[in-house]
C-alpha atoms as a PDB file:
ATOM      1  CA  MET A   1     -17.204  -3.350   7.403  1.00  0.00           C
ATOM      2  CA  ALA A   2     -14.185  -4.741   9.243  1.00  0.00           C
ATOM      3  CA  ARG A   3     -14.272  -8.175  10.742  1.00  0.00           C
ATOM      4  CA  THR A   4     -14.090  -8.555  14.485  1.00  0.00           C
ATOM      5  CA  ASP A   5     -10.759 -10.379  14.206  1.00  0.00           C
ATOM      6  CA  GLY A   6      -9.151  -7.192  12.841  1.00  0.00           C
ATOM      7  CA  SER A   7      -8.806  -8.382   9.262  1.00  0.00           C
ATOM      8  CA  ALA A   8     -10.253  -6.943   6.084  1.00  0.00           C
ATOM      9  CA  SER A   9     -13.223  -8.161   4.141  1.00  0.00           C
ATOM     10  CA  ALA A  10     -13.281  -8.504   0.371  1.00  0.00           C
ATOM     11  CA  ALA A  11     -15.639  -5.520   0.197  1.00  0.00           C
ATOM     12  CA  GLU A  12     -13.035  -3.275   1.803  1.00  0.00           C
ATOM     13  CA  VAL A  13     -10.532  -4.174  -0.907  1.00  0.00           C
ATOM     14  CA  THR A  14     -12.758  -2.469  -3.472  1.00  0.00           C
ATOM     15  CA  ALA A  15     -11.673   0.840  -1.899  1.00  0.00           C
ATOM     16  CA  LEU A  16      -8.205   0.149  -3.299  1.00  0.00           C
ATOM     17  CA  GLY A  17      -9.565   0.101  -6.856  1.00  0.00           C
ATOM     18  CA  LEU A  18      -7.818  -3.128  -7.772  1.00  0.00           C
ATOM     19  CA  THR A  19      -9.139  -4.983 -10.781  1.00  0.00           C
ATOM     20  CA  ARG A  20      -8.461  -8.222 -12.577  1.00  0.00           C
ATOM     21  CA  GLY A  21      -5.171  -8.369 -14.440  1.00  0.00           C
ATOM     22  CA  LEU A  22      -3.291  -5.647 -12.554  1.00  0.00           C
ATOM     23  CA  ALA A  23       0.330  -6.383 -11.684  1.00  0.00           C
ATOM     24  CA  VAL A  24       0.608  -5.783  -7.936  1.00  0.00           C
ATOM     25  CA  GLN A  25       3.920  -5.904  -6.105  1.00  0.00           C
ATOM     26  CA  GLU A  26       4.025  -6.420  -2.345  1.00  0.00           C
ATOM     27  CA  LEU A  27       6.817  -4.991  -0.218  1.00  0.00           C
ATOM     28  CA  GLY A  28       7.283  -5.081   3.550  1.00  0.00           C
ATOM     29  CA  TRP A  29       5.438  -8.329   4.199  1.00  0.00           C
ATOM     30  CA  ASP A  30       5.907  -9.730   7.706  1.00  0.00           C
ATOM     31  CA  ASP A  31       3.941 -11.997  10.011  1.00  0.00           C
ATOM     32  CA  ASP A  32       1.851  -9.062  11.292  1.00  0.00           C
ATOM     33  CA  VAL A  33       0.184  -8.204   7.967  1.00  0.00           C
ATOM     34  CA  ASP A  34      -3.506  -8.762   7.353  1.00  0.00           C
ATOM     35  CA  GLU A  35      -3.577 -12.095   5.522  1.00  0.00           C
ATOM     36  CA  VAL A  36      -7.282 -11.793   4.743  1.00  0.00           C
ATOM     37  CA  LEU A  37      -6.603  -8.465   3.049  1.00  0.00           C
ATOM     38  CA  ARG A  38      -3.776 -10.044   1.025  1.00  0.00           C
ATOM     39  CA  ASP A  39      -6.069 -12.895  -0.054  1.00  0.00           C
ATOM     40  CA  ALA A  40      -8.794 -10.417  -1.018  1.00  0.00           C
ATOM     41  CA  VAL A  41      -6.278  -8.436  -3.090  1.00  0.00           C
ATOM     42  CA  MET A  42      -5.190 -11.591  -4.918  1.00  0.00           C
ATOM     43  CA  ASP A  43      -8.850 -12.459  -5.542  1.00  0.00           C
ATOM     44  CA  ALA A  44      -9.502  -8.947  -6.906  1.00  0.00           C
ATOM     45  CA  ILE A  45      -6.568  -9.061  -9.339  1.00  0.00           C
ATOM     46  CA  ASP A  46      -7.087 -12.758 -10.065  1.00  0.00           C
ATOM     47  CA  GLY A  47      -3.398 -13.441  -9.552  1.00  0.00           C
ATOM     48  CA  ASP A  48      -0.516 -13.620  -7.137  1.00  0.00           C
ATOM     49  CA  LEU A  49       1.307 -10.724  -5.561  1.00  0.00           C
ATOM     50  CA  LEU A  50       4.756 -10.075  -7.013  1.00  0.00           C
ATOM     51  CA  TYR A  51       7.881  -9.638  -4.930  1.00  0.00           C
ATOM     52  CA  GLU A  52      10.296  -8.919  -7.752  1.00  0.00           C
ATOM     53  CA  SER A  53       9.379  -7.877 -11.249  1.00  0.00           C
ATOM     54  CA  ASN A  54      11.142  -7.695 -14.587  1.00  0.00           C
ATOM     55  CA  GLU A  55       8.465  -5.312 -15.853  1.00  0.00           C
ATOM     56  CA  ALA A  56       6.727  -2.257 -14.458  1.00  0.00           C
ATOM     57  CA  VAL A  57       3.930  -2.941 -11.998  1.00  0.00           C
ATOM     58  CA  ASP A  58       0.595  -1.144 -11.757  1.00  0.00           C
ATOM     59  CA  VAL A  59       0.405  -1.030  -7.970  1.00  0.00           C
ATOM     60  CA  VAL A  60       2.762  -1.469  -5.049  1.00  0.00           C
ATOM     61  CA  LEU A  61       1.349  -2.552  -1.692  1.00  0.00           C
ATOM     62  CA  LEU A  62       3.864  -1.290   0.860  1.00  0.00           C
ATOM     63  CA  TRP A  63       3.407  -2.521   4.435  1.00  0.00           C
ATOM     64  CA  TRP A  64       5.217  -0.039   6.702  1.00  0.00           C
ATOM     65  CA  ARG A  65       5.687   0.140  10.444  1.00  0.00           C
ATOM     66  CA  ASP A  66       7.360   2.744  12.630  1.00  0.00           C
ATOM     67  CA  SER A  67      10.302   0.395  13.321  1.00  0.00           C
ATOM     68  CA  ASP A  68      10.895  -0.070   9.567  1.00  0.00           C
ATOM     69  CA  GLY A  69      12.751   3.249   9.565  1.00  0.00           C
ATOM     70  CA  ASP A  70      12.356   6.339   7.453  1.00  0.00           C
ATOM     71  CA  VAL A  71       9.253   6.077   5.310  1.00  0.00           C
ATOM     72  CA  VAL A  72      11.057   7.989   2.525  1.00  0.00           C
ATOM     73  CA  ASP A  73      13.385   5.019   2.043  1.00  0.00           C
ATOM     74  CA  GLY A  74      10.443   2.643   1.708  1.00  0.00           C
ATOM     75  CA  LEU A  75       8.636   4.896  -0.759  1.00  0.00           C
ATOM     76  CA  VAL A  76      11.732   5.385  -2.921  1.00  0.00           C
ATOM     77  CA  ASP A  77      12.263   1.609  -2.982  1.00  0.00           C
ATOM     78  CA  ALA A  78       8.596   1.154  -3.934  1.00  0.00           C
ATOM     79  CA  LEU A  79       9.099   3.412  -6.971  1.00  0.00           C
ATOM     80  CA  THR A  80      11.740   1.077  -8.449  1.00  0.00           C
ATOM     81  CA  ASP A  81       9.330  -1.184 -10.354  1.00  0.00           C
ATOM     82  CA  LEU A  82       6.271   1.113 -10.425  1.00  0.00           C
ATOM     83  CA  SER A  83       4.926   2.138 -13.831  1.00  0.00           C
ATOM     84  CA  PRO A  84       4.755   5.902 -14.518  1.00  0.00           C
ATOM     85  CA  THR A  85       0.967   5.834 -14.083  1.00  0.00           C
ATOM     86  CA  GLY A  86       0.940   3.393 -11.164  1.00  0.00           C
ATOM     87  CA  CYS A  87       0.262   4.042  -7.506  1.00  0.00           C
ATOM     88  CA  ILE A  88       1.558   2.985  -4.133  1.00  0.00           C
ATOM     89  CA  TRP A  89      -0.828   1.897  -1.401  1.00  0.00           C
ATOM     90  CA  LEU A  90       1.043   2.546   1.843  1.00  0.00           C
ATOM     91  CA  LEU A  91      -0.373   0.283   4.558  1.00  0.00           C
ATOM     92  CA  THR A  92       0.407   1.370   8.108  1.00  0.00           C
ATOM     93  CA  PRO A  93      -0.968   0.316  11.498  1.00  0.00           C
ATOM     94  CA  LYS A  94      -3.887   2.427  12.663  1.00  0.00           C
ATOM     95  CA  VAL A  95      -3.699   4.883  15.545  1.00  0.00           C
ATOM     96  CA  GLY A  96      -3.266   3.092  18.847  1.00  0.00           C
ATOM     97  CA  ARG A  97      -1.892  -0.074  17.257  1.00  0.00           C
ATOM     98  CA  PRO A  98       1.701  -1.197  17.808  1.00  0.00           C
ATOM     99  CA  GLU A  99       4.126   0.294  15.246  1.00  0.00           C
ATOM    100  CA  TYR A 100       1.748   3.163  14.344  1.00  0.00           C
ATOM    101  CA  VAL A 101       3.256   5.620  11.821  1.00  0.00           C
ATOM    102  CA  ASP A 102       2.521   9.306  12.367  1.00  0.00           C
ATOM    103  CA  PRO A 103       0.620  10.869   9.419  1.00  0.00           C
ATOM    104  CA  THR A 104       3.062  13.793   9.451  1.00  0.00           C
ATOM    105  CA  ASP A 105       5.889  11.346   8.720  1.00  0.00           C
ATOM    106  CA  VAL A 106       3.869   9.917   5.818  1.00  0.00           C
ATOM    107  CA  ALA A 107       3.121  13.387   4.394  1.00  0.00           C
ATOM    108  CA  GLU A 108       6.742  14.528   4.689  1.00  0.00           C
ATOM    109  CA  GLY A 109       7.989  11.197   3.305  1.00  0.00           C
ATOM    110  CA  ALA A 110       5.689  11.469   0.306  1.00  0.00           C
ATOM    111  CA  LEU A 111       6.865  14.987  -0.476  1.00  0.00           C
ATOM    112  CA  THR A 112      10.539  14.042  -0.137  1.00  0.00           C
ATOM    113  CA  ALA A 113      10.052  10.970  -2.357  1.00  0.00           C
ATOM    114  CA  GLY A 114       8.398  13.146  -5.015  1.00  0.00           C
ATOM    115  CA  LEU A 115       4.923  11.736  -4.467  1.00  0.00           C
ATOM    116  CA  VAL A 116       1.515  13.209  -3.777  1.00  0.00           C
ATOM    117  CA  LEU A 117      -0.934  11.933  -1.185  1.00  0.00           C
ATOM    118  CA  ALA A 118      -4.191  10.884  -2.796  1.00  0.00           C
ATOM    119  CA  ASN A 119      -7.191   9.241  -1.169  1.00  0.00           C
ATOM    120  CA  PRO A 120      -6.971   7.141   1.997  1.00  0.00           C
ATOM    121  CA  ALA A 121      -8.902   3.896   2.370  1.00  0.00           C
ATOM    122  CA  SER A 122     -10.138   1.978   5.357  1.00  0.00           C
ATOM    123  CA  VAL A 123      -9.143  -1.611   4.649  1.00  0.00           C
ATOM    124  CA  SER A 124      -8.860  -3.304   8.017  1.00  0.00           C
ATOM    125  CA  THR A 125      -9.443  -2.823  11.713  1.00  0.00           C
ATOM    126  CA  ASN A 126      -5.685  -2.790  12.320  1.00  0.00           C
ATOM    127  CA  TRP A 127      -4.311  -1.318   9.070  1.00  0.00           C
ATOM    128  CA  GLN A 128      -4.990   1.903   7.184  1.00  0.00           C
ATOM    129  CA  ALA A 129      -4.128   2.548   3.560  1.00  0.00           C
ATOM    130  CA  GLN A 130      -2.914   5.761   1.958  1.00  0.00           C
ATOM    131  CA  LYS A 131      -2.674   6.083  -1.811  1.00  0.00           C
ATOM    132  CA  LEU A 132       0.396   7.849  -3.169  1.00  0.00           C
ATOM    133  CA  VAL A 133       0.927   8.855  -6.797  1.00  0.00           C
ATOM    134  CA  ARG A 134       3.444  10.767  -8.842  1.00  0.00           C
ATOM    135  CA  PRO A 135       2.506  14.422  -9.420  1.00  0.00           C
ATOM    136  CA  ARG A 136       0.300  14.809 -12.490  1.00  0.00           C
ATOM    137  CA  GLY A 137       3.084  16.389 -14.575  1.00  0.00           C
ATOM    138  CA  ASN A 138       5.385  13.430 -13.886  1.00  0.00           C
ATOM    139  CA  ARG A 139       2.965  10.752 -15.125  1.00  0.00           C
ATOM    140  CA  ARG A 140       3.462   9.626 -18.702  1.00  0.00           C
END
């Protein structure tokens, strides 16, 4: 259940499937992100979020807003350090929130970036999460 201040609870982070020891990279951070969600993610993985990595990461958290530009560019950038079996959690403002990203743009961006939309997750009152993965044949 979302908090009344618009932030996520630790229970909502479980929908992201994050577990202790995963290497999670964060891209697109800005002062509008859900800090409680970020803290809950770090608690779940028992570590800090990475901004740059010398090794492949298991998960990329990509905060994306309409003004950030073409979502394809963000997804392609997110693939840079992602392991072949990893996933991207694309976090976008929910419908009616400032900087909302149209789901059609996300679907087209995923296809163009060579990704497949997987399950969505409700993680916050103000942010929604969409899981993106490489097509099954492209995972090693």
